[in-house]
Amino acid sequence: MISLFRKRARWALTLAALSVSFTFAHASVVITGTRVIYPANQREVTVKLNNNGGVPALVQSWIDDGDPDAKAKSKPMPFTLLPPVARIDPGKGQTMRLMYTQDPLPQDRESVFYLNVLEVPPRPPAELQGENLLQMAFRSRIKIFFRPTGLAGLPNETPSQVTWQVVKAEDGKGYALKGENPTVFHANFAETSVKFGDKSFTGEGGMIPPRGSRMFPLAGLESLPAGAPSITFNAIDDYGGAHPVTLKPGIQSQAQQGGSTS
């Protein structure tokens, strides 16, 4: 009985140690900025990486067009990224060059791609080789907005031009906030919510494409209350800043009209 208790105690201590390791694990290499804006008339733009850790880091970088599971070079992209692999010493940085290849992209609206930066864990020191070690690779992923010249309007005015409706969810269960973006830029939101009287229902954040729409499911909203809601969202600008906006009841909302999913 005592032996079983000791074994369980050792397992508890081991799990506790592992949980602490997981809690404090973080990427050493960070990307400066939360998004990249690529004006079409620029030959290239630069992205800065910094190694804030205490050991050298090896990073691999690539671009995808929206599939987070896409592997490096698995699909041709209209950009060249140099260097694709780099070693960054502790406390140092690395500047990456992003160049548009002139492959055809829509010229009447903004396009979005994603920059991936994978930090490969270093080889363990000689005295630890052969031991049971858990090494973790960290990947950072941020948006690249390719912006053609001559587009009408201002990107940071896009969120205010989105129109909203509370509608039936696509799966028919509950309700969602539907945003329609009439502009040529992407509308980015960190969070959305709807308030009927004193009850609030929160939706996820996300991005609405140019001249497109998106549904933001509202957790807990199973039936539509009477009256018009107020709608709140956190709009994200070109610098990654969040700007809270609240639309008063009845403004840019058709929730009181039965929640059509047209």
C-alpha atoms as a PDB file:
ATOM      1  CA  MET A   1       0.000   0.000   0.000  1.00  0.00           C
ATOM      2  CA  ILE A   2       2.815   2.401   0.933  1.00  0.00           C
ATOM      3  CA  SER A   3       4.665   1.469  -2.264  1.00  0.00           C
ATOM      4  CA  LEU A   4       1.567   2.263  -4.378  1.00  0.00           C
ATOM      5  CA  PHE A   5       1.195   5.611  -2.612  1.00  0.00           C
ATOM      6  CA  ARG A   6       4.825   6.502  -3.314  1.00  0.00           C
ATOM      7  CA  LYS A   7       4.451   5.605  -6.983  1.00  0.00           C
ATOM      8  CA  ARG A   8       1.366   7.787  -7.269  1.00  0.00           C
ATOM      9  CA  ALA A   9       3.166  10.636  -5.476  1.00  0.00           C
ATOM     10  CA  ARG A  10       6.099  10.390  -7.904  1.00  0.00           C
ATOM     11  CA  TRP A  11       3.698  10.491 -10.857  1.00  0.00           C
ATOM     12  CA  ALA A  12       1.950  13.530  -9.365  1.00  0.00           C
ATOM     13  CA  LEU A  13       5.260  15.341  -8.954  1.00  0.00           C
ATOM     14  CA  THR A  14       6.270  14.402 -12.495  1.00  0.00           C
ATOM     15  CA  LEU A  15       2.986  15.666 -13.939  1.00  0.00           C
ATOM     16  CA  ALA A  16       3.253  18.852 -11.879  1.00  0.00           C
ATOM     17  CA  ALA A  17       6.753  19.472 -13.199  1.00  0.00           C
ATOM     18  CA  LEU A  18       5.589  18.870 -16.757  1.00  0.00           C
ATOM     19  CA  SER A  19       2.651  21.230 -16.327  1.00  0.00           C
ATOM     20  CA  VAL A  20       5.000  23.948 -15.064  1.00  0.00           C
ATOM     21  CA  SER A  21       7.252  23.376 -18.079  1.00  0.00           C
ATOM     22  CA  PHE A  22       4.295  23.694 -20.437  1.00  0.00           C
ATOM     23  CA  THR A  23       2.994  26.782 -18.641  1.00  0.00           C
ATOM     24  CA  PHE A  24       6.229  28.714 -19.070  1.00  0.00           C
ATOM     25  CA  ALA A  25       7.137  27.421 -22.547  1.00  0.00           C
ATOM     26  CA  HIS A  26       7.146  30.163 -25.130  1.00  0.00           C
ATOM     27  CA  ALA A  27       8.690  31.085 -28.450  1.00  0.00           C
ATOM     28  CA  SER A  28      12.050  32.863 -28.317  1.00  0.00           C
ATOM     29  CA  VAL A  29      11.778  34.255 -31.846  1.00  0.00           C
ATOM     30  CA  VAL A  30       9.117  36.908 -32.300  1.00  0.00           C
ATOM     31  CA  ILE A  31       7.918  38.803 -35.358  1.00  0.00           C
ATOM     32  CA  THR A  32       7.927  42.589 -35.143  1.00  0.00           C
ATOM     33  CA  GLY A  33       4.328  43.590 -35.850  1.00  0.00           C
ATOM     34  CA  THR A  34       1.115  41.596 -36.113  1.00  0.00           C
ATOM     35  CA  ARG A  35       0.539  41.976 -39.870  1.00  0.00           C
ATOM     36  CA  VAL A  36       2.354  42.926 -43.063  1.00  0.00           C
ATOM     37  CA  ILE A  37       0.975  45.483 -45.524  1.00  0.00           C
ATOM     38  CA  TYR A  38       2.399  45.042 -49.035  1.00  0.00           C
ATOM     39  CA  PRO A  39       1.626  47.998 -51.361  1.00  0.00           C
ATOM     40  CA  ALA A  40       1.673  46.703 -54.940  1.00  0.00           C
ATOM     41  CA  ASN A  41       3.983  49.498 -56.095  1.00  0.00           C
ATOM     42  CA  GLN A  42       6.767  48.470 -53.692  1.00  0.00           C
ATOM     43  CA  ARG A  43       9.655  46.323 -54.943  1.00  0.00           C
ATOM     44  CA  GLU A  44       9.839  44.637 -51.551  1.00  0.00           C
ATOM     45  CA  VAL A  45       8.887  44.981 -47.910  1.00  0.00           C
ATOM     46  CA  THR A  46      10.895  43.827 -44.916  1.00  0.00           C
ATOM     47  CA  VAL A  47       9.884  41.854 -41.840  1.00  0.00           C
ATOM     48  CA  LYS A  48      12.039  41.845 -38.698  1.00  0.00           C
ATOM     49  CA  LEU A  49      12.527  38.801 -36.460  1.00  0.00           C
ATOM     50  CA  ASN A  50      14.070  39.061 -32.999  1.00  0.00           C
ATOM     51  CA  ASN A  51      15.494  36.296 -30.821  1.00  0.00           C
ATOM     52  CA  ASN A  52      14.610  37.197 -27.244  1.00  0.00           C
ATOM     53  CA  GLY A  53      15.840  33.856 -25.886  1.00  0.00           C
ATOM     54  CA  GLY A  54      19.146  32.841 -24.402  1.00  0.00           C
ATOM     55  CA  VAL A  55      20.283  30.352 -27.064  1.00  0.00           C
ATOM     56  CA  PRO A  56      20.704  30.498 -30.857  1.00  0.00           C
ATOM     57  CA  ALA A  57      17.536  29.731 -32.828  1.00  0.00           C
ATOM     58  CA  LEU A  58      17.062  28.191 -36.249  1.00  0.00           C
ATOM     59  CA  VAL A  59      13.959  29.458 -38.059  1.00  0.00           C
ATOM     60  CA  GLN A  60      12.207  28.356 -41.239  1.00  0.00           C
ATOM     61  CA  SER A  61       9.826  30.791 -42.945  1.00  0.00           C
ATOM     62  CA  TRP A  62       7.258  30.336 -45.706  1.00  0.00           C
ATOM     63  CA  ILE A  63       4.011  31.774 -47.058  1.00  0.00           C
ATOM     64  CA  ASP A  64       0.598  30.148 -47.490  1.00  0.00           C
ATOM     65  CA  ASP A  65      -2.685  31.375 -48.949  1.00  0.00           C
ATOM     66  CA  GLY A  66      -4.957  30.472 -46.054  1.00  0.00           C
ATOM     67  CA  ASP A  67      -4.378  26.787 -45.277  1.00  0.00           C
ATOM     68  CA  PRO A  68      -2.665  26.636 -41.859  1.00  0.00           C
ATOM     69  CA  ASP A  69      -1.667  23.009 -42.499  1.00  0.00           C
ATOM     70  CA  ALA A  70       0.133  23.767 -45.780  1.00  0.00           C
ATOM     71  CA  LYS A  71       3.803  22.820 -45.721  1.00  0.00           C
ATOM     72  CA  ALA A  72       6.603  25.029 -46.951  1.00  0.00           C
ATOM     73  CA  LYS A  73       6.827  25.107 -50.768  1.00  0.00           C
ATOM     74  CA  SER A  74       3.843  22.766 -51.104  1.00  0.00           C
ATOM     75  CA  LYS A  75       2.152  25.294 -53.389  1.00  0.00           C
ATOM     76  CA  PRO A  76       3.580  28.138 -55.517  1.00  0.00           C
ATOM     77  CA  MET A  77       3.053  31.568 -53.937  1.00  0.00           C
ATOM     78  CA  PRO A  78       3.274  34.971 -55.677  1.00  0.00           C
ATOM     79  CA  PHE A  79       6.031  36.063 -53.291  1.00  0.00           C
ATOM     80  CA  THR A  80       9.701  35.338 -52.742  1.00  0.00           C
ATOM     81  CA  LEU A  81      10.844  35.266 -49.119  1.00  0.00           C
ATOM     82  CA  LEU A  82      14.542  35.585 -48.271  1.00  0.00           C
ATOM     83  CA  PRO A  83      16.097  33.971 -46.385  1.00  0.00           C
ATOM     84  CA  PRO A  84      13.782  30.952 -46.050  1.00  0.00           C
ATOM     85  CA  VAL A  85      16.035  29.507 -43.329  1.00  0.00           C
ATOM     86  CA  ALA A  86      18.144  31.502 -40.889  1.00  0.00           C
ATOM     87  CA  ARG A  87      20.059  31.172 -37.652  1.00  0.00           C
ATOM     88  CA  ILE A  88      19.457  33.980 -35.168  1.00  0.00           C
ATOM     89  CA  ASP A  89      21.810  34.400 -32.225  1.00  0.00           C
ATOM     90  CA  PRO A  90      20.387  35.306 -28.804  1.00  0.00           C
ATOM     91  CA  GLY A  91      19.627  38.992 -28.479  1.00  0.00           C
ATOM     92  CA  LYS A  92      20.017  39.488 -32.233  1.00  0.00           C
ATOM     93  CA  GLY A  93      17.620  39.974 -35.125  1.00  0.00           C
ATOM     94  CA  GLN A  94      17.091  38.900 -38.713  1.00  0.00           C
ATOM     95  CA  THR A  95      15.536  40.981 -41.475  1.00  0.00           C
ATOM     96  CA  MET A  96      13.545  39.036 -44.056  1.00  0.00           C
ATOM     97  CA  ARG A  97      12.838  40.411 -47.522  1.00  0.00           C
ATOM     98  CA  LEU A  98       9.404  39.817 -49.033  1.00  0.00           C
ATOM     99  CA  MET A  99       9.163  40.410 -52.799  1.00  0.00           C
ATOM    100  CA  TYR A 100       6.118  40.215 -55.076  1.00  0.00           C
ATOM    101  CA  THR A 101       6.851  38.016 -58.106  1.00  0.00           C
ATOM    102  CA  GLN A 102       4.366  39.902 -60.347  1.00  0.00           C
ATOM    103  CA  ASP A 103       2.228  36.779 -60.717  1.00  0.00           C
ATOM    104  CA  PRO A 104      -1.377  37.859 -61.463  1.00  0.00           C
ATOM    105  CA  LEU A 105      -3.416  38.901 -58.432  1.00  0.00           C
ATOM    106  CA  PRO A 106      -6.772  40.727 -58.328  1.00  0.00           C
ATOM    107  CA  GLN A 107      -6.282  44.436 -58.908  1.00  0.00           C
ATOM    108  CA  ASP A 108      -9.778  45.542 -57.831  1.00  0.00           C
ATOM    109  CA  ARG A 109      -9.489  44.392 -54.213  1.00  0.00           C
ATOM    110  CA  GLU A 110      -7.058  43.474 -51.473  1.00  0.00           C
ATOM    111  CA  SER A 111      -5.651  39.910 -51.263  1.00  0.00           C
ATOM    112  CA  VAL A 112      -4.510  38.133 -48.110  1.00  0.00           C
ATOM    113  CA  PHE A 113      -1.704  35.629 -47.524  1.00  0.00           C
ATOM    114  CA  TYR A 114       0.004  34.351 -44.381  1.00  0.00           C
ATOM    115  CA  LEU A 115       3.614  34.467 -43.209  1.00  0.00           C
ATOM    116  CA  ASN A 116       4.736  31.445 -41.189  1.00  0.00           C
ATOM    117  CA  VAL A 117       7.829  31.469 -38.976  1.00  0.00           C
ATOM    118  CA  LEU A 118       8.789  28.113 -37.440  1.00  0.00           C
ATOM    119  CA  GLU A 119      11.321  28.094 -34.619  1.00  0.00           C
ATOM    120  CA  VAL A 120      13.153  24.760 -34.651  1.00  0.00           C
ATOM    121  CA  PRO A 121      14.305  23.631 -31.177  1.00  0.00           C
ATOM    122  CA  PRO A 122      18.108  23.564 -30.775  1.00  0.00           C
ATOM    123  CA  ARG A 123      20.065  20.353 -30.352  1.00  0.00           C
ATOM    124  CA  PRO A 124      20.258  19.485 -26.638  1.00  0.00           C
ATOM    125  CA  PRO A 125      23.670  19.826 -24.954  1.00  0.00           C
ATOM    126  CA  ALA A 126      25.952  16.802 -25.038  1.00  0.00           C
ATOM    127  CA  GLU A 127      25.351  15.928 -21.402  1.00  0.00           C
ATOM    128  CA  LEU A 128      21.613  15.574 -22.040  1.00  0.00           C
ATOM    129  CA  GLN A 129      21.739  13.626 -25.286  1.00  0.00           C
ATOM    130  CA  GLY A 130      20.278  10.169 -24.831  1.00  0.00           C
ATOM    131  CA  GLU A 131      17.926  11.393 -22.105  1.00  0.00           C
ATOM    132  CA  ASN A 132      14.158  11.456 -22.460  1.00  0.00           C
ATOM    133  CA  LEU A 133      13.515  15.050 -23.492  1.00  0.00           C
ATOM    134  CA  LEU A 134      10.447  16.891 -24.742  1.00  0.00           C
ATOM    135  CA  GLN A 135      11.320  19.491 -27.369  1.00  0.00           C
ATOM    136  CA  MET A 136       8.726  21.862 -28.778  1.00  0.00           C
ATOM    137  CA  ALA A 137       8.766  23.739 -32.095  1.00  0.00           C
ATOM    138  CA  PHE A 138       6.898  27.058 -32.114  1.00  0.00           C
ATOM    139  CA  ARG A 139       5.230  28.552 -35.169  1.00  0.00           C
ATOM    140  CA  SER A 140       4.094  32.158 -35.506  1.00  0.00           C
ATOM    141  CA  ARG A 141       1.657  33.065 -38.293  1.00  0.00           C
ATOM    142  CA  ILE A 142       0.579  36.554 -39.324  1.00  0.00           C
ATOM    143  CA  LYS A 143      -1.403  38.035 -42.220  1.00  0.00           C
ATOM    144  CA  ILE A 144       0.086  39.616 -45.336  1.00  0.00           C
ATOM    145  CA  PHE A 145      -2.261  42.079 -47.053  1.00  0.00           C
ATOM    146  CA  PHE A 146      -1.383  42.687 -50.701  1.00  0.00           C
ATOM    147  CA  ARG A 147      -2.838  46.087 -51.552  1.00  0.00           C
ATOM    148  CA  PRO A 148      -3.132  47.110 -55.249  1.00  0.00           C
ATOM    149  CA  THR A 149      -2.665  50.781 -56.102  1.00  0.00           C
ATOM    150  CA  GLY A 150      -5.657  53.009 -56.769  1.00  0.00           C
ATOM    151  CA  LEU A 151      -8.199  51.220 -54.582  1.00  0.00           C
ATOM    152  CA  ALA A 152     -11.096  53.443 -53.573  1.00  0.00           C
ATOM    153  CA  GLY A 153     -11.564  54.277 -49.905  1.00  0.00           C
ATOM    154  CA  LEU A 154      -9.387  54.026 -46.807  1.00  0.00           C
ATOM    155  CA  PRO A 155      -8.613  50.649 -45.179  1.00  0.00           C
ATOM    156  CA  ASN A 156      -9.164  51.842 -41.614  1.00  0.00           C
ATOM    157  CA  GLU A 157     -12.659  53.100 -42.519  1.00  0.00           C
ATOM    158  CA  THR A 158     -13.715  49.614 -43.649  1.00  0.00           C
ATOM    159  CA  PRO A 159     -15.086  48.318 -40.293  1.00  0.00           C
ATOM    160  CA  SER A 160     -17.487  51.258 -40.036  1.00  0.00           C
ATOM    161  CA  GLN A 161     -18.945  50.397 -43.454  1.00  0.00           C
ATOM    162  CA  VAL A 162     -19.795  46.795 -42.588  1.00  0.00           C
ATOM    163  CA  THR A 163     -23.532  46.169 -42.182  1.00  0.00           C
ATOM    164  CA  TRP A 164     -24.800  43.715 -39.576  1.00  0.00           C
ATOM    165  CA  GLN A 165     -27.758  41.407 -39.084  1.00  0.00           C
ATOM    166  CA  VAL A 166     -28.663  38.921 -36.373  1.00  0.00           C
ATOM    167  CA  VAL A 167     -29.725  35.832 -38.339  1.00  0.00           C
ATOM    168  CA  LYS A 168     -30.292  32.121 -37.896  1.00  0.00           C
ATOM    169  CA  ALA A 169     -27.033  30.207 -37.674  1.00  0.00           C
ATOM    170  CA  GLU A 170     -25.963  28.260 -40.746  1.00  0.00           C
ATOM    171  CA  ASP A 171     -26.563  24.939 -38.992  1.00  0.00           C
ATOM    172  CA  GLY A 172     -30.049  26.066 -37.964  1.00  0.00           C
ATOM    173  CA  LYS A 173     -29.152  25.953 -34.267  1.00  0.00           C
ATOM    174  CA  GLY A 174     -29.210  29.287 -32.501  1.00  0.00           C
ATOM    175  CA  TYR A 175     -28.284  32.620 -34.018  1.00  0.00           C
ATOM    176  CA  ALA A 176     -25.272  34.362 -35.472  1.00  0.00           C
ATOM    177  CA  LEU A 177     -24.132  37.862 -36.294  1.00  0.00           C
ATOM    178  CA  LYS A 178     -23.761  38.264 -40.041  1.00  0.00           C
ATOM    179  CA  GLY A 179     -21.443  40.979 -41.318  1.00  0.00           C
ATOM    180  CA  GLU A 180     -21.400  42.148 -44.937  1.00  0.00           C
ATOM    181  CA  ASN A 181     -18.381  44.062 -46.194  1.00  0.00           C
ATOM    182  CA  PRO A 182     -19.083  46.245 -49.271  1.00  0.00           C
ATOM    183  CA  THR A 183     -15.525  47.605 -49.513  1.00  0.00           C
ATOM    184  CA  VAL A 184     -12.407  46.447 -51.393  1.00  0.00           C
ATOM    185  CA  PHE A 185     -10.438  45.892 -48.152  1.00  0.00           C
ATOM    186  CA  HIS A 186     -10.567  43.135 -45.533  1.00  0.00           C
ATOM    187  CA  ALA A 187     -12.484  43.954 -42.353  1.00  0.00           C
ATOM    188  CA  ASN A 188     -10.758  42.506 -39.269  1.00  0.00           C
ATOM    189  CA  PHE A 189     -12.413  42.033 -35.887  1.00  0.00           C
ATOM    190  CA  ALA A 190     -10.977  40.766 -32.605  1.00  0.00           C
ATOM    191  CA  GLU A 191     -14.408  40.145 -31.062  1.00  0.00           C
ATOM    192  CA  THR A 192     -18.085  40.702 -31.779  1.00  0.00           C
ATOM    193  CA  SER A 193     -21.068  40.780 -29.460  1.00  0.00           C
ATOM    194  CA  VAL A 194     -24.796  41.531 -29.400  1.00  0.00           C
ATOM    195  CA  LYS A 195     -26.774  42.935 -26.484  1.00  0.00           C
ATOM    196  CA  PHE A 196     -30.540  42.654 -26.029  1.00  0.00           C
ATOM    197  CA  GLY A 197     -31.548  44.703 -22.993  1.00  0.00           C
ATOM    198  CA  ASP A 198     -29.226  43.613 -20.193  1.00  0.00           C
ATOM    199  CA  LYS A 199     -28.178  40.304 -21.820  1.00  0.00           C
ATOM    200  CA  SER A 200     -25.023  40.080 -23.935  1.00  0.00           C
ATOM    201  CA  PHE A 201     -24.057  37.317 -26.352  1.00  0.00           C
ATOM    202  CA  THR A 202     -20.469  37.067 -27.522  1.00  0.00           C
ATOM    203  CA  GLY A 203     -19.258  36.000 -30.950  1.00  0.00           C
ATOM    204  CA  GLU A 204     -15.796  35.089 -32.111  1.00  0.00           C
ATOM    205  CA  GLY A 205     -13.475  37.398 -33.971  1.00  0.00           C
ATOM    206  CA  GLY A 206     -12.510  36.978 -37.596  1.00  0.00           C
ATOM    207  CA  MET A 207     -12.097  38.590 -40.973  1.00  0.00           C
ATOM    208  CA  ILE A 208     -14.663  39.515 -43.606  1.00  0.00           C
ATOM    209  CA  PRO A 209     -13.248  39.479 -47.154  1.00  0.00           C
ATOM    210  CA  PRO A 210     -13.707  42.346 -49.605  1.00  0.00           C
ATOM    211  CA  ARG A 211     -17.240  42.414 -51.046  1.00  0.00           C
ATOM    212  CA  GLY A 212     -18.037  39.347 -48.969  1.00  0.00           C
ATOM    213  CA  SER A 213     -19.781  38.267 -45.777  1.00  0.00           C
ATOM    214  CA  ARG A 214     -19.134  36.169 -42.702  1.00  0.00           C
ATOM    215  CA  MET A 215     -21.194  34.576 -39.945  1.00  0.00           C
ATOM    216  CA  PHE A 216     -20.106  34.999 -36.312  1.00  0.00           C
ATOM    217  CA  PRO A 217     -21.994  32.451 -34.140  1.00  0.00           C
ATOM    218  CA  LEU A 218     -23.365  33.943 -30.905  1.00  0.00           C
ATOM    219  CA  ALA A 219     -22.847  31.644 -27.924  1.00  0.00           C
ATOM    220  CA  GLY A 220     -25.973  31.089 -25.862  1.00  0.00           C
ATOM    221  CA  LEU A 221     -28.435  32.907 -28.147  1.00  0.00           C
ATOM    222  CA  GLU A 222     -31.002  30.173 -28.791  1.00  0.00           C
ATOM    223  CA  SER A 223     -34.086  32.328 -29.378  1.00  0.00           C
ATOM    224  CA  LEU A 224     -34.459  35.870 -30.642  1.00  0.00           C
ATOM    225  CA  PRO A 225     -35.545  38.349 -27.939  1.00  0.00           C
ATOM    226  CA  ALA A 226     -37.947  41.146 -28.748  1.00  0.00           C
ATOM    227  CA  GLY A 227     -36.548  44.513 -29.722  1.00  0.00           C
ATOM    228  CA  ALA A 228     -33.467  45.672 -31.579  1.00  0.00           C
ATOM    229  CA  PRO A 229     -29.996  44.850 -30.258  1.00  0.00           C
ATOM    230  CA  SER A 230     -26.915  46.962 -29.845  1.00  0.00           C
ATOM    231  CA  ILE A 231     -23.886  45.528 -31.630  1.00  0.00           C
ATOM    232  CA  THR A 232     -20.305  45.858 -30.407  1.00  0.00           C
ATOM    233  CA  PHE A 233     -17.104  44.887 -32.171  1.00  0.00           C
ATOM    234  CA  ASN A 234     -13.367  45.442 -31.816  1.00  0.00           C
ATOM    235  CA  ALA A 235     -12.038  46.609 -35.176  1.00  0.00           C
ATOM    236  CA  ILE A 236      -8.363  45.871 -35.961  1.00  0.00           C
ATOM    237  CA  ASP A 237      -6.392  48.482 -37.888  1.00  0.00           C
ATOM    238  CA  ASP A 238      -3.268  48.221 -40.097  1.00  0.00           C
ATOM    239  CA  TYR A 239      -1.045  48.420 -37.012  1.00  0.00           C
ATOM    240  CA  GLY A 240      -2.812  45.671 -35.084  1.00  0.00           C
ATOM    241  CA  GLY A 241      -4.582  48.063 -32.728  1.00  0.00           C
ATOM    242  CA  ALA A 242      -8.097  47.234 -31.525  1.00  0.00           C
ATOM    243  CA  HIS A 243     -10.801  49.916 -31.592  1.00  0.00           C
ATOM    244  CA  PRO A 244     -14.110  49.171 -29.797  1.00  0.00           C
ATOM    245  CA  VAL A 245     -17.234  50.335 -31.633  1.00  0.00           C
ATOM    246  CA  THR A 246     -20.830  50.077 -30.425  1.00  0.00           C
ATOM    247  CA  LEU A 247     -23.792  50.453 -32.780  1.00  0.00           C
ATOM    248  CA  LYS A 248     -26.911  51.595 -30.953  1.00  0.00           C
ATOM    249  CA  PRO A 249     -30.158  49.575 -31.210  1.00  0.00           C
ATOM    250  CA  GLY A 250     -31.669  49.679 -34.667  1.00  0.00           C
ATOM    251  CA  ILE A 251     -28.509  50.950 -36.403  1.00  0.00           C
ATOM    252  CA  GLN A 252     -27.241  48.667 -39.205  1.00  0.00           C
ATOM    253  CA  SER A 253     -29.181  45.741 -37.774  1.00  0.00           C
ATOM    254  CA  GLN A 254     -32.264  43.890 -38.952  1.00  0.00           C
ATOM    255  CA  ALA A 255     -32.586  41.521 -36.012  1.00  0.00           C
ATOM    256  CA  GLN A 256     -36.112  42.727 -35.269  1.00  0.00           C
ATOM    257  CA  GLN A 257     -37.233  41.668 -38.745  1.00  0.00           C
ATOM    258  CA  GLY A 258     -37.120  37.933 -38.182  1.00  0.00           C
ATOM    259  CA  GLY A 259     -33.492  37.003 -38.823  1.00  0.00           C
ATOM    260  CA  SER A 260     -33.432  36.092 -42.513  1.00  0.00           C
ATOM    261  CA  THR A 261     -30.284  34.421 -43.786  1.00  0.00           C
ATOM    262  CA  SER A 262     -30.461  36.020 -47.195  1.00  0.00           C
END
